[in-house]
Amino acid sequence: MTTNAPYGYDDLWGLMTLMTGDEKHSASATSTLDVIWTLYDRVLDVDPDHRADPDRDRFLLSKGHGPMAYYAVLAAKGFIPSEWLEAFGSYNSPLGWHPDRSLIPGVEIASGSLGHGLPIAVGVASALRATGRTGRVFCLLGDAELDEGSNHEAIVMAARLRLDRMAAVVIDNGSATHGWPGGIAARFELEGWSSAVVDGRDLDAIERGFGIATPDRPHLVVAEV
């Protein structure tokens, strides 16, 4: 996790207010804020000085259509200058409406099209294991995004491959069109994932949710907001 970061949790809302012009996605962004902060502050083994370390943990924001919270956390943790936030979405700004890995330090994938992140996470986790790397892979999705069929295939494949250094976190705000009989966690558990359901606004609960993974299985955290 990051050390000697320039900002703390209480600064995040102020950092987010520097970004304007994408207000229609503000709810999508704020719903992820506490989870992303907890990951970067307490869980992930990655920092700005070692962001190219082949054994680093990887965070993949599949829910990339609301990146303001992500950008605020990256600035708070020193991956990008906070001055970049005021130019969010403007001409020549690296901070677009969707995050771009080729432009923003610390970003692992270009995302925003729903249903892409979890399949990519399966591929990354498989590649890291095949090459003997120790880094873990964390992928953040929205509950409505799970309606995409590509995610169903990824859920099955991750369990069959026993990708125990992979975790998914689903932000559940009840916005899925089709819903999940028995709940989101039940669907993942059916395929062989371990799971935890937590309050998505409780930093301690989120941290605990990531700490109860089961060996030989991928892990799911459902963060209810």
C-alpha atoms as a PDB file:
ATOM      1  CA  MET A   1       0.000   0.000   0.000  1.00  0.00           C
ATOM      2  CA  THR A   2       1.045   3.609  -0.438  1.00  0.00           C
ATOM      3  CA  THR A   3       3.109   5.365   2.208  1.00  0.00           C
ATOM      4  CA  ASN A   4       3.842   9.079   2.691  1.00  0.00           C
ATOM      5  CA  ALA A   5       0.788   9.985   0.614  1.00  0.00           C
ATOM      6  CA  PRO A   6      -0.005  13.715   0.315  1.00  0.00           C
ATOM      7  CA  TYR A   7      -3.699  13.477   1.248  1.00  0.00           C
ATOM      8  CA  GLY A   8      -5.966  11.480   3.552  1.00  0.00           C
ATOM      9  CA  TYR A   9      -9.507  10.148   3.467  1.00  0.00           C
ATOM     10  CA  ASP A  10     -11.014  13.428   4.665  1.00  0.00           C
ATOM     11  CA  ASP A  11      -9.528  15.190   1.626  1.00  0.00           C
ATOM     12  CA  LEU A  12     -11.234  12.980  -0.967  1.00  0.00           C
ATOM     13  CA  TRP A  13     -14.459  14.944  -1.304  1.00  0.00           C
ATOM     14  CA  GLY A  14     -12.497  18.149  -1.744  1.00  0.00           C
ATOM     15  CA  LEU A  15     -10.424  16.535  -4.459  1.00  0.00           C
ATOM     16  CA  MET A  16     -13.564  15.308  -6.199  1.00  0.00           C
ATOM     17  CA  THR A  17     -15.080  18.788  -6.231  1.00  0.00           C
ATOM     18  CA  LEU A  18     -12.155  19.942  -8.380  1.00  0.00           C
ATOM     19  CA  MET A  19     -13.569  17.802 -11.202  1.00  0.00           C
ATOM     20  CA  THR A  20     -16.595  19.115 -13.066  1.00  0.00           C
ATOM     21  CA  GLY A  21     -18.389  18.346 -16.320  1.00  0.00           C
ATOM     22  CA  ASP A  22     -19.449  14.729 -15.767  1.00  0.00           C
ATOM     23  CA  GLU A  23     -22.120  15.229 -13.143  1.00  0.00           C
ATOM     24  CA  LYS A  24     -24.418  12.606 -14.677  1.00  0.00           C
ATOM     25  CA  HIS A  25     -21.941   9.982 -13.478  1.00  0.00           C
ATOM     26  CA  SER A  26     -21.375  11.472 -10.036  1.00  0.00           C
ATOM     27  CA  ALA A  27     -23.503   8.812  -8.339  1.00  0.00           C
ATOM     28  CA  SER A  28     -21.530   6.078 -10.090  1.00  0.00           C
ATOM     29  CA  ALA A  29     -18.295   7.663  -8.883  1.00  0.00           C
ATOM     30  CA  THR A  30     -19.284   8.299  -5.286  1.00  0.00           C
ATOM     31  CA  SER A  31     -20.639   4.776  -4.848  1.00  0.00           C
ATOM     32  CA  THR A  32     -17.115   3.412  -5.369  1.00  0.00           C
ATOM     33  CA  LEU A  33     -15.203   5.945  -3.282  1.00  0.00           C
ATOM     34  CA  ASP A  34     -14.945   4.073   0.023  1.00  0.00           C
ATOM     35  CA  VAL A  35     -14.051   0.755  -1.585  1.00  0.00           C
ATOM     36  CA  ILE A  36     -11.343   2.241  -3.801  1.00  0.00           C
ATOM     37  CA  TRP A  37      -9.890   4.185  -0.886  1.00  0.00           C
ATOM     38  CA  THR A  38      -9.814   1.102   1.338  1.00  0.00           C
ATOM     39  CA  LEU A  39      -8.076  -0.911  -1.359  1.00  0.00           C
ATOM     40  CA  TYR A  40      -5.358   1.672  -1.942  1.00  0.00           C
ATOM     41  CA  ASP A  41      -4.986   2.611   1.720  1.00  0.00           C
ATOM     42  CA  ARG A  42      -5.160  -0.808   3.405  1.00  0.00           C
ATOM     43  CA  VAL A  43      -5.124  -3.704   0.954  1.00  0.00           C
ATOM     44  CA  LEU A  44      -3.167  -3.238  -2.267  1.00  0.00           C
ATOM     45  CA  ASP A  45       0.584  -3.770  -2.358  1.00  0.00           C
ATOM     46  CA  VAL A  46       1.393  -0.977  -4.808  1.00  0.00           C
ATOM     47  CA  ASP A  47       2.744   2.561  -4.565  1.00  0.00           C
ATOM     48  CA  PRO A  48       3.760   5.344  -6.964  1.00  0.00           C
ATOM     49  CA  ASP A  49       7.475   4.555  -6.687  1.00  0.00           C
ATOM     50  CA  HIS A  50       6.958   0.894  -7.628  1.00  0.00           C
ATOM     51  CA  ARG A  51       3.980   1.019  -9.970  1.00  0.00           C
ATOM     52  CA  ALA A  52       5.908  -0.951 -12.616  1.00  0.00           C
ATOM     53  CA  ASP A  53       7.021  -3.688 -10.215  1.00  0.00           C
ATOM     54  CA  PRO A  54       6.077  -6.987 -11.902  1.00  0.00           C
ATOM     55  CA  ASP A  55       5.037  -8.394  -8.497  1.00  0.00           C
ATOM     56  CA  ARG A  56       2.746  -5.474  -7.621  1.00  0.00           C
ATOM     57  CA  ASP A  57      -0.937  -5.952  -6.942  1.00  0.00           C
ATOM     58  CA  ARG A  58      -3.174  -4.878  -9.826  1.00  0.00           C
ATOM     59  CA  PHE A  59      -6.421  -2.917  -9.464  1.00  0.00           C
ATOM     60  CA  LEU A  60      -8.743  -3.045 -12.476  1.00  0.00           C
ATOM     61  CA  LEU A  61     -11.633  -0.585 -12.542  1.00  0.00           C
ATOM     62  CA  SER A  62     -14.180  -2.288 -14.764  1.00  0.00           C
ATOM     63  CA  LYS A  63     -16.731   0.332 -13.661  1.00  0.00           C
ATOM     64  CA  GLY A  64     -14.748   2.934 -15.571  1.00  0.00           C
ATOM     65  CA  HIS A  65     -17.619   5.141 -16.717  1.00  0.00           C
ATOM     66  CA  GLY A  66     -17.572   6.990 -13.388  1.00  0.00           C
ATOM     67  CA  PRO A  67     -13.856   7.550 -12.720  1.00  0.00           C
ATOM     68  CA  MET A  68     -13.914  10.671 -10.538  1.00  0.00           C
ATOM     69  CA  ALA A  69     -13.485   8.783  -7.266  1.00  0.00           C
ATOM     70  CA  TYR A  70     -10.688   6.718  -8.823  1.00  0.00           C
ATOM     71  CA  TYR A  71      -8.861   9.850  -9.943  1.00  0.00           C
ATOM     72  CA  ALA A  72      -9.291  11.440  -6.507  1.00  0.00           C
ATOM     73  CA  VAL A  73      -7.764   8.391  -4.811  1.00  0.00           C
ATOM     74  CA  LEU A  74      -4.894   8.246  -7.312  1.00  0.00           C
ATOM     75  CA  ALA A  75      -4.168  11.902  -6.565  1.00  0.00           C
ATOM     76  CA  ALA A  76      -4.477  11.391  -2.811  1.00  0.00           C
ATOM     77  CA  LYS A  77      -2.016   8.510  -2.962  1.00  0.00           C
ATOM     78  CA  GLY A  78       0.513  10.341  -5.102  1.00  0.00           C
ATOM     79  CA  PHE A  79       0.095   8.507  -8.411  1.00  0.00           C
ATOM     80  CA  ILE A  80      -0.976  11.676 -10.236  1.00  0.00           C
ATOM     81  CA  PRO A  81      -0.657  15.398  -9.404  1.00  0.00           C
ATOM     82  CA  SER A  82      -3.761  16.860  -7.793  1.00  0.00           C
ATOM     83  CA  GLU A  83      -3.455  19.749 -10.268  1.00  0.00           C
ATOM     84  CA  TRP A  84      -4.586  17.394 -13.009  1.00  0.00           C
ATOM     85  CA  LEU A  85      -8.026  17.091 -11.433  1.00  0.00           C
ATOM     86  CA  GLU A  86      -9.137  20.606 -12.367  1.00  0.00           C
ATOM     87  CA  ALA A  87      -8.630  19.811 -16.063  1.00  0.00           C
ATOM     88  CA  PHE A  88     -10.730  16.631 -15.853  1.00  0.00           C
ATOM     89  CA  GLY A  89     -12.293  15.823 -19.219  1.00  0.00           C
ATOM     90  CA  SER A  90     -10.878  18.867 -20.980  1.00  0.00           C
ATOM     91  CA  TYR A  91      -8.893  19.002 -24.207  1.00  0.00           C
ATOM     92  CA  ASN A  92      -5.407  17.502 -23.779  1.00  0.00           C
ATOM     93  CA  SER A  93      -6.122  16.370 -20.211  1.00  0.00           C
ATOM     94  CA  PRO A  94      -4.951  12.811 -19.452  1.00  0.00           C
ATOM     95  CA  LEU A  95      -8.028  12.426 -17.219  1.00  0.00           C
ATOM     96  CA  GLY A  96     -10.803  11.496 -19.612  1.00  0.00           C
ATOM     97  CA  TRP A  97     -14.374  10.376 -18.991  1.00  0.00           C
ATOM     98  CA  HIS A  98     -12.967   6.828 -18.952  1.00  0.00           C
ATOM     99  CA  PRO A  99      -9.514   6.037 -17.497  1.00  0.00           C
ATOM    100  CA  ASP A 100      -6.736   5.369 -20.021  1.00  0.00           C
ATOM    101  CA  ARG A 101      -3.760   3.226 -18.948  1.00  0.00           C
ATOM    102  CA  SER A 102      -1.517   4.812 -21.582  1.00  0.00           C
ATOM    103  CA  LEU A 103      -2.058   8.301 -20.164  1.00  0.00           C
ATOM    104  CA  ILE A 104      -2.505   7.948 -16.399  1.00  0.00           C
ATOM    105  CA  PRO A 105       0.221   6.599 -14.090  1.00  0.00           C
ATOM    106  CA  GLY A 106      -1.003   3.691 -12.006  1.00  0.00           C
ATOM    107  CA  VAL A 107      -4.006   2.815 -14.190  1.00  0.00           C
ATOM    108  CA  GLU A 108      -3.852  -0.833 -15.298  1.00  0.00           C
ATOM    109  CA  ILE A 109      -6.558  -0.974 -18.006  1.00  0.00           C
ATOM    110  CA  ALA A 110      -8.559   1.366 -20.223  1.00  0.00           C
ATOM    111  CA  SER A 111     -12.145   0.759 -19.132  1.00  0.00           C
ATOM    112  CA  GLY A 112     -15.705   1.993 -19.225  1.00  0.00           C
ATOM    113  CA  SER A 113     -17.368  -0.426 -21.634  1.00  0.00           C
ATOM    114  CA  LEU A 114     -19.328  -2.730 -19.356  1.00  0.00           C
ATOM    115  CA  GLY A 115     -18.384  -6.370 -19.078  1.00  0.00           C
ATOM    116  CA  HIS A 116     -14.697  -6.054 -19.927  1.00  0.00           C
ATOM    117  CA  GLY A 117     -12.929  -5.797 -16.586  1.00  0.00           C
ATOM    118  CA  LEU A 118     -13.616  -9.181 -15.016  1.00  0.00           C
ATOM    119  CA  PRO A 119     -12.569 -11.202 -18.098  1.00  0.00           C
ATOM    120  CA  ILE A 120      -9.372  -9.145 -18.264  1.00  0.00           C
ATOM    121  CA  ALA A 121      -8.773  -9.827 -14.565  1.00  0.00           C
ATOM    122  CA  VAL A 122      -9.041 -13.567 -15.211  1.00  0.00           C
ATOM    123  CA  GLY A 123      -6.442 -13.261 -17.956  1.00  0.00           C
ATOM    124  CA  VAL A 124      -4.089 -11.137 -15.853  1.00  0.00           C
ATOM    125  CA  ALA A 125      -4.347 -13.451 -12.835  1.00  0.00           C
ATOM    126  CA  SER A 126      -3.725 -16.482 -15.050  1.00  0.00           C
ATOM    127  CA  ALA A 127      -0.687 -14.852 -16.647  1.00  0.00           C
ATOM    128  CA  LEU A 128       0.800 -13.827 -13.303  1.00  0.00           C
ATOM    129  CA  ARG A 129       0.458 -17.361 -11.993  1.00  0.00           C
ATOM    130  CA  ALA A 130       1.924 -18.869 -15.164  1.00  0.00           C
ATOM    131  CA  THR A 131       4.987 -16.624 -14.909  1.00  0.00           C
ATOM    132  CA  GLY A 132       5.502 -17.204 -11.177  1.00  0.00           C
ATOM    133  CA  ARG A 133       4.587 -13.684 -10.081  1.00  0.00           C
ATOM    134  CA  THR A 134       3.144 -13.062  -6.639  1.00  0.00           C
ATOM    135  CA  GLY A 135       0.916 -10.061  -7.302  1.00  0.00           C
ATOM    136  CA  ARG A 136      -2.815 -10.223  -6.688  1.00  0.00           C
ATOM    137  CA  VAL A 137      -5.552  -8.930  -8.996  1.00  0.00           C
ATOM    138  CA  PHE A 138      -8.566  -6.940  -7.790  1.00  0.00           C
ATOM    139  CA  CYS A 139     -11.430  -5.994 -10.122  1.00  0.00           C
ATOM    140  CA  LEU A 140     -14.229  -3.558  -9.243  1.00  0.00           C
ATOM    141  CA  LEU A 141     -17.606  -3.897 -10.987  1.00  0.00           C
ATOM    142  CA  GLY A 142     -21.091  -2.504 -10.627  1.00  0.00           C
ATOM    143  CA  ASP A 143     -24.075  -4.758  -9.921  1.00  0.00           C
ATOM    144  CA  ALA A 144     -25.814  -3.753 -13.173  1.00  0.00           C
ATOM    145  CA  GLU A 145     -22.657  -4.597 -15.082  1.00  0.00           C
ATOM    146  CA  LEU A 146     -23.129  -8.222 -14.088  1.00  0.00           C
ATOM    147  CA  ASP A 147     -25.997  -8.376 -16.600  1.00  0.00           C
ATOM    148  CA  GLU A 148     -23.305  -8.564 -19.307  1.00  0.00           C
ATOM    149  CA  GLY A 149     -22.814 -12.159 -20.462  1.00  0.00           C
ATOM    150  CA  SER A 150     -19.033 -11.884 -20.550  1.00  0.00           C
ATOM    151  CA  ASN A 151     -19.042 -11.665 -16.764  1.00  0.00           C
ATOM    152  CA  HIS A 152     -20.899 -14.966 -16.420  1.00  0.00           C
ATOM    153  CA  GLU A 153     -18.157 -16.701 -18.392  1.00  0.00           C
ATOM    154  CA  ALA A 154     -15.440 -15.002 -16.337  1.00  0.00           C
ATOM    155  CA  ILE A 155     -17.070 -16.037 -13.040  1.00  0.00           C
ATOM    156  CA  VAL A 156     -17.070 -19.658 -14.157  1.00  0.00           C
ATOM    157  CA  MET A 157     -13.528 -19.618 -15.568  1.00  0.00           C
ATOM    158  CA  ALA A 158     -11.946 -17.970 -12.512  1.00  0.00           C
ATOM    159  CA  ALA A 159     -13.383 -20.670 -10.263  1.00  0.00           C
ATOM    160  CA  ARG A 160     -12.441 -23.538 -12.559  1.00  0.00           C
ATOM    161  CA  LEU A 161      -8.863 -22.252 -12.720  1.00  0.00           C
ATOM    162  CA  ARG A 162      -8.813 -21.765  -8.925  1.00  0.00           C
ATOM    163  CA  LEU A 163      -7.437 -18.246  -9.230  1.00  0.00           C
ATOM    164  CA  ASP A 164      -6.969 -17.715  -5.511  1.00  0.00           C
ATOM    165  CA  ARG A 165      -4.945 -14.521  -5.994  1.00  0.00           C
ATOM    166  CA  MET A 166      -7.865 -12.840  -7.697  1.00  0.00           C
ATOM    167  CA  ALA A 167     -10.706 -10.906  -6.075  1.00  0.00           C
ATOM    168  CA  ALA A 168     -13.772  -9.177  -7.455  1.00  0.00           C
ATOM    169  CA  VAL A 169     -15.631  -6.433  -5.629  1.00  0.00           C
ATOM    170  CA  VAL A 170     -19.157  -5.619  -6.749  1.00  0.00           C
ATOM    171  CA  ILE A 171     -20.718  -2.285  -5.796  1.00  0.00           C
ATOM    172  CA  ASP A 172     -24.344  -3.217  -5.172  1.00  0.00           C
ATOM    173  CA  ASN A 173     -26.764  -0.302  -5.256  1.00  0.00           C
ATOM    174  CA  GLY A 174     -29.688  -2.367  -6.513  1.00  0.00           C
ATOM    175  CA  SER A 175     -29.531  -1.008 -10.049  1.00  0.00           C
ATOM    176  CA  ALA A 176     -29.303  -4.295 -11.976  1.00  0.00           C
ATOM    177  CA  THR A 177     -32.125  -4.707 -14.484  1.00  0.00           C
ATOM    178  CA  HIS A 178     -32.509  -8.467 -14.199  1.00  0.00           C
ATOM    179  CA  GLY A 179     -31.403  -9.034 -10.629  1.00  0.00           C
ATOM    180  CA  TRP A 180     -29.752 -12.056  -9.036  1.00  0.00           C
ATOM    181  CA  PRO A 181     -32.028 -14.665  -7.431  1.00  0.00           C
ATOM    182  CA  GLY A 182     -30.646 -15.348  -3.973  1.00  0.00           C
ATOM    183  CA  GLY A 183     -28.300 -12.395  -4.187  1.00  0.00           C
ATOM    184  CA  ILE A 184     -25.050 -11.648  -6.000  1.00  0.00           C
ATOM    185  CA  ALA A 185     -22.873 -13.638  -3.599  1.00  0.00           C
ATOM    186  CA  ALA A 186     -24.958 -16.785  -4.146  1.00  0.00           C
ATOM    187  CA  ARG A 187     -24.263 -16.699  -7.877  1.00  0.00           C
ATOM    188  CA  PHE A 188     -20.500 -16.546  -7.372  1.00  0.00           C
ATOM    189  CA  GLU A 189     -20.574 -19.148  -4.590  1.00  0.00           C
ATOM    190  CA  LEU A 190     -22.463 -21.535  -6.856  1.00  0.00           C
ATOM    191  CA  GLU A 191     -19.456 -21.549  -9.178  1.00  0.00           C
ATOM    192  CA  GLY A 192     -16.940 -22.031  -6.362  1.00  0.00           C
ATOM    193  CA  TRP A 193     -15.978 -18.536  -5.184  1.00  0.00           C
ATOM    194  CA  SER A 194     -15.625 -17.561  -1.525  1.00  0.00           C
ATOM    195  CA  SER A 195     -17.548 -14.401  -0.643  1.00  0.00           C
ATOM    196  CA  ALA A 196     -18.305 -11.680   1.861  1.00  0.00           C
ATOM    197  CA  VAL A 197     -21.125  -9.129   1.911  1.00  0.00           C
ATOM    198  CA  VAL A 198     -20.226  -5.832   3.585  1.00  0.00           C
ATOM    199  CA  ASP A 199     -21.430  -2.295   4.161  1.00  0.00           C
ATOM    200  CA  GLY A 200     -19.848  -0.399   1.277  1.00  0.00           C
ATOM    201  CA  ARG A 201     -19.506   2.748   3.397  1.00  0.00           C
ATOM    202  CA  ASP A 202     -17.721   1.088   6.332  1.00  0.00           C
ATOM    203  CA  LEU A 203     -13.959   1.121   5.734  1.00  0.00           C
ATOM    204  CA  ASP A 204     -13.216  -1.454   8.440  1.00  0.00           C
ATOM    205  CA  ALA A 205     -15.905  -3.814   7.158  1.00  0.00           C
ATOM    206  CA  ILE A 206     -14.591  -3.498   3.604  1.00  0.00           C
ATOM    207  CA  GLU A 207     -11.079  -4.322   4.771  1.00  0.00           C
ATOM    208  CA  ARG A 208     -12.318  -7.356   6.692  1.00  0.00           C
ATOM    209  CA  GLY A 209     -14.233  -8.509   3.640  1.00  0.00           C
ATOM    210  CA  PHE A 210     -11.032  -8.773   1.641  1.00  0.00           C
ATOM    211  CA  GLY A 211      -9.260 -10.557   4.495  1.00  0.00           C
ATOM    212  CA  ILE A 212     -11.426 -13.679   4.617  1.00  0.00           C
ATOM    213  CA  ALA A 213     -10.545 -15.181   1.243  1.00  0.00           C
ATOM    214  CA  THR A 214     -10.395 -18.984   1.040  1.00  0.00           C
ATOM    215  CA  PRO A 215      -7.322 -20.796  -0.337  1.00  0.00           C
ATOM    216  CA  ASP A 216      -7.673 -22.265  -3.848  1.00  0.00           C
ATOM    217  CA  ARG A 217     -10.657 -20.067  -4.696  1.00  0.00           C
ATOM    218  CA  PRO A 218     -11.179 -16.613  -6.173  1.00  0.00           C
ATOM    219  CA  HIS A 219     -12.843 -14.247  -3.717  1.00  0.00           C
ATOM    220  CA  LEU A 220     -15.821 -11.899  -3.983  1.00  0.00           C
ATOM    221  CA  VAL A 221     -16.695  -8.888  -1.859  1.00  0.00           C
ATOM    222  CA  VAL A 222     -20.187  -7.436  -2.337  1.00  0.00           C
ATOM    223  CA  ALA A 223     -20.192  -3.848  -1.097  1.00  0.00           C
ATOM    224  CA  GLU A 224     -23.765  -2.693  -0.467  1.00  0.00           C
ATOM    225  CA  VAL A 225     -24.303   1.071  -0.799  1.00  0.00           C
END
